[in-house]
PDB file of N, CA and C in Angstrom:
ATOM      1  N   GLN A   1      59.058 -17.790 204.708  1.00  0.00           N
ATOM      2  CA  GLN A   1      59.908 -18.730 203.980  1.00  0.00           C
ATOM      3  C   GLN A   1      61.312 -18.152 203.898  1.00  0.00           C
ATOM      4  N   VAL A   2      62.273 -19.055 203.832  1.00  0.00           N
ATOM      5  CA  VAL A   2      63.683 -18.660 203.780  1.00  0.00           C
ATOM      6  C   VAL A   2      64.301 -19.173 202.490  1.00  0.00           C
ATOM      7  N   GLN A   3      65.041 -18.323 201.814  1.00  0.00           N
ATOM      8  CA  GLN A   3      65.732 -18.724 200.597  1.00  0.00           C
ATOM      9  C   GLN A   3      67.237 -18.618 200.817  1.00  0.00           C
ATOM     10  N   LEU A   4      67.947 -19.588 200.269  1.00  0.00           N
ATOM     11  CA  LEU A   4      69.402 -19.602 200.372  1.00  0.00           C
ATOM     12  C   LEU A   4      70.005 -19.569 198.978  1.00  0.00           C
ATOM     13  N   VAL A   5      71.013 -18.752 198.809  1.00  0.00           N
ATOM     14  CA  VAL A   5      71.736 -18.687 197.542  1.00  0.00           C
ATOM     15  C   VAL A   5      73.200 -18.975 197.823  1.00  0.00           C
ATOM     16  N   GLU A   6      73.706 -20.000 197.156  1.00  0.00           N
ATOM     17  CA  GLU A   6      75.104 -20.391 197.326  1.00  0.00           C
ATOM     18  C   GLU A   6      75.894 -19.995 196.091  1.00  0.00           C
ATOM     19  N   SER A   7      77.176 -19.770 196.294  1.00  0.00           N
ATOM     20  CA  SER A   7      78.049 -19.469 195.169  1.00  0.00           C
ATOM     21  C   SER A   7      79.467 -19.853 195.527  1.00  0.00           C
ATOM     22  N   GLY A   8      80.309 -19.990 194.500  1.00  0.00           N
ATOM     23  CA  GLY A   8      81.730 -20.164 194.725  1.00  0.00           C
ATOM     24  C   GLY A   8      82.307 -21.524 194.406  1.00  0.00           C
ATOM     25  N   GLY A   9      81.497 -22.481 194.026  1.00  0.00           N
ATOM     26  CA  GLY A   9      82.043 -23.787 193.696  1.00  0.00           C
ATOM     27  C   GLY A   9      82.823 -23.746 192.389  1.00  0.00           C
ATOM     28  N   GLY A  10      83.441 -24.881 192.060  1.00  0.00           N
ATOM     29  CA  GLY A  10      84.176 -24.935 190.811  1.00  0.00           C
ATOM     30  C   GLY A  10      85.148 -26.088 190.771  1.00  0.00           C
ATOM     31  N   LEU A  11      85.991 -26.061 189.746  1.00  0.00           N
ATOM     32  CA  LEU A  11      87.007 -27.093 189.525  1.00  0.00           C
ATOM     33  C   LEU A  11      88.382 -26.481 189.775  1.00  0.00           C
ATOM     34  N   VAL A  12      89.129 -27.095 190.683  1.00  0.00           N
ATOM     35  CA  VAL A  12      90.470 -26.625 190.988  1.00  0.00           C
ATOM     36  C   VAL A  12      91.410 -27.813 191.071  1.00  0.00           C
ATOM     37  N   GLN A  13      92.704 -27.515 191.098  1.00  0.00           N
ATOM     38  CA  GLN A  13      93.695 -28.564 191.289  1.00  0.00           C
ATOM     39  C   GLN A  13      94.008 -28.705 192.775  1.00  0.00           C
ATOM     40  N   ALA A  14      94.535 -29.852 193.125  1.00  0.00           N
ATOM     41  CA  ALA A  14      94.917 -30.095 194.516  1.00  0.00           C
ATOM     42  C   ALA A  14      95.895 -29.019 194.987  1.00  0.00           C
ATOM     43  N   GLY A  15      95.660 -28.548 196.211  1.00  0.00           N
ATOM     44  CA  GLY A  15      96.492 -27.501 196.778  1.00  0.00           C
ATOM     45  C   GLY A  15      95.961 -26.102 196.588  1.00  0.00           C
ATOM     46  N   GLU A  16      94.995 -25.953 195.694  1.00  0.00           N
ATOM     47  CA  GLU A  16      94.425 -24.630 195.442  1.00  0.00           C
ATOM     48  C   GLU A  16      93.293 -24.326 196.427  1.00  0.00           C
ATOM     49  N   SER A  17      92.716 -23.146 196.257  1.00  0.00           N
ATOM     50  CA  SER A  17      91.696 -22.678 197.205  1.00  0.00           C
ATOM     51  C   SER A  17      90.398 -22.322 196.500  1.00  0.00           C
ATOM     52  N   LEU A  18      89.320 -22.382 197.261  1.00  0.00           N
ATOM     53  CA  LEU A  18      88.011 -21.905 196.828  1.00  0.00           C
ATOM     54  C   LEU A  18      87.322 -21.254 198.020  1.00  0.00           C
ATOM     55  N   ARG A  19      86.413 -20.331 197.716  1.00  0.00           N
ATOM     56  CA  ARG A  19      85.631 -19.682 198.768  1.00  0.00           C
ATOM     57  C   ARG A  19      84.164 -19.820 198.412  1.00  0.00           C
ATOM     58  N   LEU A  20      83.427 -20.487 199.297  1.00  0.00           N
ATOM     59  CA  LEU A  20      81.987 -20.634 199.119  1.00  0.00           C
ATOM     60  C   LEU A  20      81.268 -19.557 199.922  1.00  0.00           C
ATOM     61  N   SER A  21      80.170 -19.086 199.360  1.00  0.00           N
ATOM     62  CA  SER A  21      79.355 -18.093 200.046  1.00  0.00           C
ATOM     63  C   SER A  21      77.914 -18.543 200.092  1.00  0.00           C
ATOM     64  N   CYS A  22      77.224 -18.150 201.149  1.00  0.00           N
ATOM     65  CA  CYS A  22      75.815 -18.480 201.332  1.00  0.00           C
ATOM     66  C   CYS A  22      75.101 -17.233 201.845  1.00  0.00           C
ATOM     67  N   ALA A  23      74.028 -16.880 201.172  1.00  0.00           N
ATOM     68  CA  ALA A  23      73.234 -15.732 201.601  1.00  0.00           C
ATOM     69  C   ALA A  23      71.799 -16.178 201.842  1.00  0.00           C
ATOM     70  N   ALA A  24      71.296 -15.894 203.027  1.00  0.00           N
ATOM     71  CA  ALA A  24      69.928 -16.260 203.391  1.00  0.00           C
ATOM     72  C   ALA A  24      69.044 -15.020 203.367  1.00  0.00           C
ATOM     73  N   SER A  25      67.857 -15.182 202.830  1.00  0.00           N
ATOM     74  CA  SER A  25      66.910 -14.065 202.788  1.00  0.00           C
ATOM     75  C   SER A  25      65.501 -14.593 203.024  1.00  0.00           C
ATOM     76  N   GLY A  26      64.585 -13.686 203.314  1.00  0.00           N
ATOM     77  CA  GLY A  26      63.200 -14.079 203.532  1.00  0.00           C
ATOM     78  C   GLY A  26      62.756 -13.784 204.948  1.00  0.00           C
ATOM     79  N   SER A  27      61.877 -14.650 205.444  1.00  0.00           N
ATOM     80  CA  SER A  27      61.283 -14.433 206.770  1.00  0.00           C
ATOM     81  C   SER A  27      62.245 -14.903 207.849  1.00  0.00           C
ATOM     82  N   ILE A  28      63.228 -14.074 208.118  1.00  0.00           N
ATOM     83  CA  ILE A  28      64.262 -14.440 209.088  1.00  0.00           C
ATOM     84  C   ILE A  28      64.238 -13.439 210.222  1.00  0.00           C
ATOM     85  N   PHE A  29      63.995 -13.932 211.414  1.00  0.00           N
ATOM     86  CA  PHE A  29      64.120 -13.073 212.582  1.00  0.00           C
ATOM     87  C   PHE A  29      65.495 -13.225 213.187  1.00  0.00           C
ATOM     88  N   ARG A  30      65.897 -14.486 213.303  1.00  0.00           N
ATOM     89  CA  ARG A  30      67.225 -14.742 213.861  1.00  0.00           C
ATOM     90  C   ARG A  30      67.755 -16.061 213.314  1.00  0.00           C
ATOM     91  N   VAL A  31      68.960 -16.017 212.782  1.00  0.00           N
ATOM     92  CA  VAL A  31      69.623 -17.229 212.323  1.00  0.00           C
ATOM     93  C   VAL A  31      70.442 -17.782 213.476  1.00  0.00           C
ATOM     94  N   ASN A  32      70.124 -18.997 213.887  1.00  0.00           N
ATOM     95  CA  ASN A  32      70.849 -19.600 214.997  1.00  0.00           C
ATOM     96  C   ASN A  32      72.190 -20.199 214.562  1.00  0.00           C
ATOM     97  N   VAL A  33      72.147 -20.896 213.421  1.00  0.00           N
ATOM     98  CA  VAL A  33      73.349 -21.584 212.954  1.00  0.00           C
ATOM     99  C   VAL A  33      73.410 -21.485 211.436  1.00  0.00           C
ATOM    100  N   MET A  34      74.593 -21.227 210.930  1.00  0.00           N
ATOM    101  CA  MET A  34      74.840 -21.327 209.488  1.00  0.00           C
ATOM    102  C   MET A  34      75.960 -22.338 209.300  1.00  0.00           C
ATOM    103  N   GLY A  35      75.758 -23.255 208.388  1.00  0.00           N
ATOM    104  CA  GLY A  35      76.758 -24.289 208.221  1.00  0.00           C
ATOM    105  C   GLY A  35      76.862 -24.792 206.798  1.00  0.00           C
ATOM    106  N   TRP A  36      77.902 -25.563 206.574  1.00  0.00           N
ATOM    107  CA  TRP A  36      78.145 -26.190 205.274  1.00  0.00           C
ATOM    108  C   TRP A  36      78.238 -27.703 205.456  1.00  0.00           C
ATOM    109  N   TYR A  37      77.521 -28.413 204.619  1.00  0.00           N
ATOM    110  CA  TYR A  37      77.587 -29.862 204.548  1.00  0.00           C
ATOM    111  C   TYR A  37      78.125 -30.224 203.176  1.00  0.00           C
ATOM    112  N   ARG A  38      78.562 -31.463 203.045  1.00  0.00           N
ATOM    113  CA  ARG A  38      78.960 -31.931 201.721  1.00  0.00           C
ATOM    114  C   ARG A  38      78.538 -33.386 201.549  1.00  0.00           C
ATOM    115  N   GLN A  39      78.353 -33.727 200.282  1.00  0.00           N
ATOM    116  CA  GLN A  39      77.983 -35.107 199.951  1.00  0.00           C
ATOM    117  C   GLN A  39      78.733 -35.531 198.712  1.00  0.00           C
ATOM    118  N   ALA A  40      79.570 -36.528 198.883  1.00  0.00           N
ATOM    119  CA  ALA A  40      80.312 -37.099 197.766  1.00  0.00           C
ATOM    120  C   ALA A  40      79.496 -38.259 197.188  1.00  0.00           C
ATOM    121  N   PRO A  41      79.724 -38.627 195.926  1.00  0.00           N
ATOM    122  CA  PRO A  41      78.975 -39.730 195.320  1.00  0.00           C
ATOM    123  C   PRO A  41      79.108 -41.010 196.140  1.00  0.00           C
ATOM    124  N   GLY A  42      77.971 -41.620 196.428  1.00  0.00           N
ATOM    125  CA  GLY A  42      77.967 -42.874 197.162  1.00  0.00           C
ATOM    126  C   GLY A  42      78.200 -42.745 198.654  1.00  0.00           C
ATOM    127  N   LYS A  43      78.275 -41.525 199.155  1.00  0.00           N
ATOM    128  CA  LYS A  43      78.526 -41.313 200.579  1.00  0.00           C
ATOM    129  C   LYS A  43      77.396 -40.504 201.204  1.00  0.00           C
ATOM    130  N   GLN A  44      77.324 -40.594 202.533  1.00  0.00           N
ATOM    131  CA  GLN A  44      76.316 -39.817 203.252  1.00  0.00           C
ATOM    132  C   GLN A  44      76.731 -38.354 203.335  1.00  0.00           C
ATOM    133  N   ARG A  45      75.738 -37.506 203.474  1.00  0.00           N
ATOM    134  CA  ARG A  45      76.012 -36.089 203.669  1.00  0.00           C
ATOM    135  C   ARG A  45      76.635 -35.901 205.040  1.00  0.00           C
ATOM    136  N   GLU A  46      77.677 -35.061 205.095  1.00  0.00           N
ATOM    137  CA  GLU A  46      78.372 -34.845 206.367  1.00  0.00           C
ATOM    138  C   GLU A  46      78.539 -33.353 206.634  1.00  0.00           C
ATOM    139  N   LEU A  47      78.536 -33.029 207.913  1.00  0.00           N
ATOM    140  CA  LEU A  47      78.739 -31.647 208.330  1.00  0.00           C
ATOM    141  C   LEU A  47      80.218 -31.303 208.200  1.00  0.00           C
ATOM    142  N   VAL A  48      80.498 -30.228 207.484  1.00  0.00           N
ATOM    143  CA  VAL A  48      81.871 -29.787 207.281  1.00  0.00           C
ATOM    144  C   VAL A  48      82.255 -28.729 208.319  1.00  0.00           C
ATOM    145  N   ALA A  49      81.393 -27.752 208.483  1.00  0.00           N
ATOM    146  CA  ALA A  49      81.676 -26.668 209.431  1.00  0.00           C
ATOM    147  C   ALA A  49      80.392 -25.915 209.714  1.00  0.00           C
ATOM    148  N   HIS A  50      80.298 -25.350 210.923  1.00  0.00           N
ATOM    149  CA  HIS A  50      79.188 -24.440 211.184  1.00  0.00           C
ATOM    150  C   HIS A  50      79.608 -23.361 212.168  1.00  0.00           C
ATOM    151  N   ILE A  51      78.830 -22.304 212.161  1.00  0.00           N
ATOM    152  CA  ILE A  51      79.059 -21.193 213.076  1.00  0.00           C
ATOM    153  C   ILE A  51      77.713 -20.816 213.677  1.00  0.00           C
ATOM    154  N   THR A  52      77.694 -20.665 214.986  1.00  0.00           N
ATOM    155  CA  THR A  52      76.447 -20.348 215.676  1.00  0.00           C
ATOM    156  C   THR A  52      76.316 -18.835 215.857  1.00  0.00           C
ATOM    157  N   SER A  53      75.153 -18.434 216.338  1.00  0.00           N
ATOM    158  CA  SER A  53      74.884 -17.007 216.520  1.00  0.00           C
ATOM    159  C   SER A  53      75.801 -16.382 217.565  1.00  0.00           C
ATOM    160  N   ASP A  54      76.317 -17.200 218.490  1.00  0.00           N
ATOM    161  CA  ASP A  54      77.228 -16.654 219.498  1.00  0.00           C
ATOM    162  C   ASP A  54      78.682 -16.830 219.106  1.00  0.00           C
ATOM    163  N   GLY A  55      78.920 -17.292 217.869  1.00  0.00           N
ATOM    164  CA  GLY A  55      80.282 -17.394 217.360  1.00  0.00           C
ATOM    165  C   GLY A  55      80.970 -18.724 217.570  1.00  0.00           C
ATOM    166  N   SER A  56      80.284 -19.697 218.132  1.00  0.00           N
ATOM    167  CA  SER A  56      80.888 -21.007 218.317  1.00  0.00           C
ATOM    168  C   SER A  56      81.111 -21.675 216.963  1.00  0.00           C
ATOM    169  N   LEU A  57      82.227 -22.376 216.851  1.00  0.00           N
ATOM    170  CA  LEU A  57      82.610 -23.000 215.580  1.00  0.00           C
ATOM    171  C   LEU A  57      82.707 -24.513 215.723  1.00  0.00           C
ATOM    172  N   TYR A  58      82.427 -25.170 214.609  1.00  0.00           N
ATOM    173  CA  TYR A  58      82.666 -26.611 214.518  1.00  0.00           C
ATOM    174  C   TYR A  58      83.329 -26.886 213.180  1.00  0.00           C
ATOM    175  N   TYR A  59      84.295 -27.804 213.183  1.00  0.00           N
ATOM    176  CA  TYR A  59      84.922 -28.262 211.943  1.00  0.00           C
ATOM    177  C   TYR A  59      85.030 -29.779 211.951  1.00  0.00           C
ATOM    178  N   LEU A  60      84.801 -30.369 210.794  1.00  0.00           N
ATOM    179  CA  LEU A  60      85.072 -31.776 210.577  1.00  0.00           C
ATOM    180  C   LEU A  60      86.583 -31.982 210.740  1.00  0.00           C
ATOM    181  N   ASP A  61      86.977 -33.061 211.378  1.00  0.00           N
ATOM    182  CA  ASP A  61      88.400 -33.273 211.651  1.00  0.00           C
ATOM    183  C   ASP A  61      89.260 -33.172 210.392  1.00  0.00           C
ATOM    184  N   SER A  62      88.772 -33.723 209.294  1.00  0.00           N
ATOM    185  CA  SER A  62      89.595 -33.785 208.084  1.00  0.00           C
ATOM    186  C   SER A  62      89.796 -32.420 207.420  1.00  0.00           C
ATOM    187  N   VAL A  63      89.068 -31.390 207.854  1.00  0.00           N
ATOM    188  CA  VAL A  63      89.238 -30.065 207.249  1.00  0.00           C
ATOM    189  C   VAL A  63      89.851 -29.066 208.209  1.00  0.00           C
ATOM    190  N   LYS A  64      90.067 -29.469 209.452  1.00  0.00           N
ATOM    191  CA  LYS A  64      90.653 -28.557 210.430  1.00  0.00           C
ATOM    192  C   LYS A  64      92.021 -28.075 209.959  1.00  0.00           C
ATOM    193  N   GLY A  65      92.233 -26.763 210.090  1.00  0.00           N
ATOM    194  CA  GLY A  65      93.492 -26.169 209.653  1.00  0.00           C
ATOM    195  C   GLY A  65      93.512 -25.798 208.183  1.00  0.00           C
ATOM    196  N   ARG A  66      92.520 -26.256 207.417  1.00  0.00           N
ATOM    197  CA  ARG A  66      92.469 -25.943 205.981  1.00  0.00           C
ATOM    198  C   ARG A  66      91.254 -25.088 205.637  1.00  0.00           C
ATOM    199  N   PHE A  67      90.145 -25.328 206.309  1.00  0.00           N
ATOM    200  CA  PHE A  67      88.894 -24.610 206.030  1.00  0.00           C
ATOM    201  C   PHE A  67      88.603 -23.635 207.164  1.00  0.00           C
ATOM    202  N   THR A  68      88.013 -22.509 206.800  1.00  0.00           N
ATOM    203  CA  THR A  68      87.603 -21.516 207.781  1.00  0.00           C
ATOM    204  C   THR A  68      86.202 -21.015 207.450  1.00  0.00           C
ATOM    205  N   ILE A  69      85.310 -21.108 208.427  1.00  0.00           N
ATOM    206  CA  ILE A  69      83.955 -20.581 208.240  1.00  0.00           C
ATOM    207  C   ILE A  69      83.863 -19.239 208.945  1.00  0.00           C
ATOM    208  N   SER A  70      83.138 -18.312 208.342  1.00  0.00           N
ATOM    209  CA  SER A  70      82.999 -16.996 208.937  1.00  0.00           C
ATOM    210  C   SER A  70      81.665 -16.388 208.530  1.00  0.00           C
ATOM    211  N   ARG A  71      81.211 -15.437 209.335  1.00  0.00           N
ATOM    212  CA  ARG A  71      80.025 -14.665 208.991  1.00  0.00           C
ATOM    213  C   ARG A  71      80.439 -13.565 208.019  1.00  0.00           C
ATOM    214  N   GLY A  72      79.570 -13.270 207.078  1.00  0.00           N
ATOM    215  CA  GLY A  72      79.849 -12.195 206.152  1.00  0.00           C
ATOM    216  C   GLY A  72      79.484 -10.843 206.737  1.00  0.00           C
ATOM    217  N   ASN A  73      79.936  -9.795 206.085  1.00  0.00           N
ATOM    218  CA  ASN A  73      79.584  -8.446 206.532  1.00  0.00           C
ATOM    219  C   ASN A  73      78.098  -8.180 206.334  1.00  0.00           C
ATOM    220  N   ALA A  74      77.527  -8.718 205.278  1.00  0.00           N
ATOM    221  CA  ALA A  74      76.094  -8.572 205.059  1.00  0.00           C
ATOM    222  C   ALA A  74      75.352  -9.495 206.029  1.00  0.00           C
ATOM    223  N   LYS A  75      74.182  -9.074 206.434  1.00  0.00           N
ATOM    224  CA  LYS A  75      73.416  -9.854 207.403  1.00  0.00           C
ATOM    225  C   LYS A  75      73.035 -11.205 206.813  1.00  0.00           C
ATOM    226  N   ASN A  76      73.116 -12.225 207.632  1.00  0.00           N
ATOM    227  CA  ASN A  76      72.694 -13.577 207.257  1.00  0.00           C
ATOM    228  C   ASN A  76      73.462 -14.133 206.069  1.00  0.00           C
ATOM    229  N   THR A  77      74.760 -13.854 206.063  1.00  0.00           N
ATOM    230  CA  THR A  77      75.634 -14.465 205.068  1.00  0.00           C
ATOM    231  C   THR A  77      76.769 -15.200 205.783  1.00  0.00           C
ATOM    232  N   ALA A  78      77.295 -16.185 205.113  1.00  0.00           N
ATOM    233  CA  ALA A  78      78.421 -16.928 205.666  1.00  0.00           C
ATOM    234  C   ALA A  78      79.329 -17.353 204.520  1.00  0.00           C
ATOM    235  N   HIS A  79      80.593 -17.534 204.857  1.00  0.00           N
ATOM    236  CA  HIS A  79      81.577 -17.939 203.865  1.00  0.00           C
ATOM    237  C   HIS A  79      82.356 -19.141 204.379  1.00  0.00           C
ATOM    238  N   LEU A  80      82.778 -19.972 203.457  1.00  0.00           N
ATOM    239  CA  LEU A  80      83.650 -21.093 203.787  1.00  0.00           C
ATOM    240  C   LEU A  80      84.897 -20.959 202.917  1.00  0.00           C
ATOM    241  N   GLN A  81      86.000 -20.557 203.536  1.00  0.00           N
ATOM    242  CA  GLN A  81      87.270 -20.470 202.843  1.00  0.00           C
ATOM    243  C   GLN A  81      87.940 -21.831 202.898  1.00  0.00           C
ATOM    244  N   MET A  82      88.206 -22.405 201.728  1.00  0.00           N
ATOM    245  CA  MET A  82      88.780 -23.742 201.651  1.00  0.00           C
ATOM    246  C   MET A  82      90.158 -23.644 201.015  1.00  0.00           C
ATOM    247  N   ASN A  83      91.179 -23.914 201.809  1.00  0.00           N
ATOM    248  CA  ASN A  83      92.553 -23.870 201.335  1.00  0.00           C
ATOM    249  C   ASN A  83      93.141 -25.277 201.275  1.00  0.00           C
ATOM    250  N   SER A  84      94.233 -25.402 200.567  1.00  0.00           N
ATOM    251  CA  SER A  84      94.930 -26.695 200.458  1.00  0.00           C
ATOM    252  C   SER A  84      93.966 -27.819 200.122  1.00  0.00           C
ATOM    253  N   LEU A  85      93.140 -27.601 199.129  1.00  0.00           N
ATOM    254  CA  LEU A  85      92.114 -28.577 198.776  1.00  0.00           C
ATOM    255  C   LEU A  85      92.734 -29.886 198.304  1.00  0.00           C
ATOM    256  N   LYS A  86      92.037 -30.965 198.638  1.00  0.00           N
ATOM    257  CA  LYS A  86      92.479 -32.307 198.287  1.00  0.00           C
ATOM    258  C   LYS A  86      91.414 -32.966 197.415  1.00  0.00           C
ATOM    259  N   PRO A  87      91.804 -33.965 196.629  1.00  0.00           N
ATOM    260  CA  PRO A  87      90.797 -34.668 195.807  1.00  0.00           C
ATOM    261  C   PRO A  87      89.652 -35.227 196.646  1.00  0.00           C
ATOM    262  N   GLU A  88      89.932 -35.636 197.875  1.00  0.00           N
ATOM    263  CA  GLU A  88      88.874 -36.181 198.732  1.00  0.00           C
ATOM    264  C   GLU A  88      87.890 -35.117 199.220  1.00  0.00           C
ATOM    265  N   ASP A  89      88.160 -33.852 198.945  1.00  0.00           N
ATOM    266  CA  ASP A  89      87.201 -32.792 199.262  1.00  0.00           C
ATOM    267  C   ASP A  89      86.139 -32.649 198.160  1.00  0.00           C
ATOM    268  N   THR A  90      86.309 -33.381 197.083  1.00  0.00           N
ATOM    269  CA  THR A  90      85.349 -33.314 195.988  1.00  0.00           C
ATOM    270  C   THR A  90      83.969 -33.763 196.454  1.00  0.00           C
ATOM    271  N   ALA A  91      82.973 -32.922 196.246  1.00  0.00           N
ATOM    272  CA  ALA A  91      81.612 -33.205 196.695  1.00  0.00           C
ATOM    273  C   ALA A  91      80.699 -32.060 196.266  1.00  0.00           C
ATOM    274  N   VAL A  92      79.417 -32.282 196.461  1.00  0.00           N
ATOM    275  CA  VAL A  92      78.464 -31.176 196.375  1.00  0.00           C
ATOM    276  C   VAL A  92      78.366 -30.581 197.779  1.00  0.00           C
ATOM    277  N   TYR A  93      78.563 -29.290 197.872  1.00  0.00           N
ATOM    278  CA  TYR A  93      78.531 -28.592 199.157  1.00  0.00           C
ATOM    279  C   TYR A  93      77.201 -27.867 199.294  1.00  0.00           C
ATOM    280  N   TYR A  94      76.574 -28.063 200.449  1.00  0.00           N
ATOM    281  CA  TYR A  94      75.266 -27.481 200.724  1.00  0.00           C
ATOM    282  C   TYR A  94      75.356 -26.538 201.919  1.00  0.00           C
ATOM    283  N   CYS A  95      74.740 -25.399 201.788  1.00  0.00           N
ATOM    284  CA  CYS A  95      74.590 -24.492 202.914  1.00  0.00           C
ATOM    285  C   CYS A  95      73.309 -24.862 203.663  1.00  0.00           C
ATOM    286  N   LYS A  96      73.383 -24.844 204.976  1.00  0.00           N
ATOM    287  CA  LYS A  96      72.188 -25.068 205.789  1.00  0.00           C
ATOM    288  C   LYS A  96      72.087 -23.966 206.833  1.00  0.00           C
ATOM    289  N   VAL A  97      70.895 -23.453 206.972  1.00  0.00           N
ATOM    290  CA  VAL A  97      70.625 -22.402 207.947  1.00  0.00           C
ATOM    291  C   VAL A  97      69.547 -22.889 208.903  1.00  0.00           C
ATOM    292  N   THR A  98      69.762 -22.683 210.183  1.00  0.00           N
ATOM    293  CA  THR A  98      68.767 -23.018 211.192  1.00  0.00           C
ATOM    294  C   THR A  98      68.198 -21.733 211.761  1.00  0.00           C
ATOM    295  N   VAL A  99      66.883 -21.565 211.596  1.00  0.00           N
ATOM    296  CA  VAL A  99      66.165 -20.410 212.127  1.00  0.00           C
ATOM    297  C   VAL A  99      65.212 -20.945 213.190  1.00  0.00           C
ATOM    298  N   PHE A 100      65.497 -20.592 214.433  1.00  0.00           N
ATOM    299  CA  PHE A 100      64.821 -21.225 215.588  1.00  0.00           C
ATOM    300  C   PHE A 100      65.002 -22.725 215.470  1.00  0.00           C
ATOM    301  N   THR A 101      63.982 -23.483 215.205  1.00  0.00           N
ATOM    302  CA  THR A 101      64.137 -24.944 215.116  1.00  0.00           C
ATOM    303  C   THR A 101      63.946 -25.469 213.695  1.00  0.00           C
ATOM    304  N   SER A 102      63.876 -24.577 212.723  1.00  0.00           N
ATOM    305  CA  SER A 102      63.652 -24.996 211.338  1.00  0.00           C
ATOM    306  C   SER A 102      64.945 -24.926 210.543  1.00  0.00           C
ATOM    307  N   ASP A 103      65.181 -25.962 209.732  1.00  0.00           N
ATOM    308  CA  ASP A 103      66.364 -26.026 208.880  1.00  0.00           C
ATOM    309  C   ASP A 103      65.994 -25.710 207.438  1.00  0.00           C
ATOM    310  N   TYR A 104      66.858 -24.956 206.787  1.00  0.00           N
ATOM    311  CA  TYR A 104      66.674 -24.617 205.378  1.00  0.00           C
ATOM    312  C   TYR A 104      67.976 -24.942 204.644  1.00  0.00           C
ATOM    313  N   TRP A 105      67.826 -25.507 203.442  1.00  0.00           N
ATOM    314  CA  TRP A 105      68.983 -25.953 202.671  1.00  0.00           C
ATOM    315  C   TRP A 105      69.103 -25.175 201.367  1.00  0.00           C
ATOM    316  N   GLY A 106      70.348 -24.958 200.962  1.00  0.00           N
ATOM    317  CA  GLY A 106      70.609 -24.409 199.652  1.00  0.00           C
ATOM    318  C   GLY A 106      70.552 -25.505 198.602  1.00  0.00           C
ATOM    319  N   GLN A 107      70.712 -25.096 197.357  1.00  0.00           N
ATOM    320  CA  GLN A 107      70.570 -26.043 196.251  1.00  0.00           C
ATOM    321  C   GLN A 107      71.835 -26.864 196.024  1.00  0.00           C
ATOM    322  N   GLY A 108      72.927 -26.449 196.637  1.00  0.00           N
ATOM    323  CA  GLY A 108      74.180 -27.179 196.487  1.00  0.00           C
ATOM    324  C   GLY A 108      75.060 -26.579 195.409  1.00  0.00           C
ATOM    325  N   THR A 109      76.356 -26.666 195.628  1.00  0.00           N
ATOM    326  CA  THR A 109      77.327 -26.189 194.646  1.00  0.00           C
ATOM    327  C   THR A 109      78.452 -27.220 194.551  1.00  0.00           C
ATOM    328  N   GLN A 110      78.817 -27.546 193.325  1.00  0.00           N
ATOM    329  CA  GLN A 110      79.807 -28.607 193.102  1.00  0.00           C
ATOM    330  C   GLN A 110      81.219 -28.077 193.324  1.00  0.00           C
ATOM    331  N   VAL A 111      81.984 -28.839 194.095  1.00  0.00           N
ATOM    332  CA  VAL A 111      83.413 -28.577 194.260  1.00  0.00           C
ATOM    333  C   VAL A 111      84.150 -29.817 193.770  1.00  0.00           C
ATOM    334  N   THR A 112      85.009 -29.635 192.781  1.00  0.00           N
ATOM    335  CA  THR A 112      85.783 -30.740 192.227  1.00  0.00           C
ATOM    336  C   THR A 112      87.260 -30.401 192.322  1.00  0.00           C
ATOM    337  N   VAL A 113      88.011 -31.301 192.952  1.00  0.00           N
ATOM    338  CA  VAL A 113      89.450 -31.097 193.125  1.00  0.00           C
ATOM    339  C   VAL A 113      90.179 -32.198 192.365  1.00  0.00           C
ATOM    340  N   SER A 114      90.949 -31.810 191.383  1.00  0.00           N
ATOM    341  CA  SER A 114      91.688 -32.791 190.582  1.00  0.00           C
ATOM    342  C   SER A 114      93.092 -32.982 191.159  1.00  0.00           C
ATOM    343  N   SER A 115      93.603 -34.175 190.972  1.00  0.00           N
ATOM    344  CA  SER A 115      94.937 -34.493 191.522  1.00  0.00           C
ATOM    345  C   SER A 115      96.038 -34.164 190.526  1.00  0.00           C
TER     346      SER A 115
END
């Protein structure tokens, strides 16, 4: 079994920054992909960014140039640095880890950006 622990959400004003962290532990041989999704009220969950085991990156168009995903120094950790936050970034952010073909989700962390 795989457990995910997320941290770093909170309430900020527009233009400020937050850093989300995700740590995966448990029966992990190899993490293929670590990523962040978000879900705003009344909207579908969407992929914000991910990083693969070979370092390939993906970003949602609306966060390009503002958000940066990276692997942490500790094994099986990832961070999402969010700069120049906008009110439309307000959502619950979820970490997702893919181990071989299985997906594991974190419990979610609230990010609220006030205007």
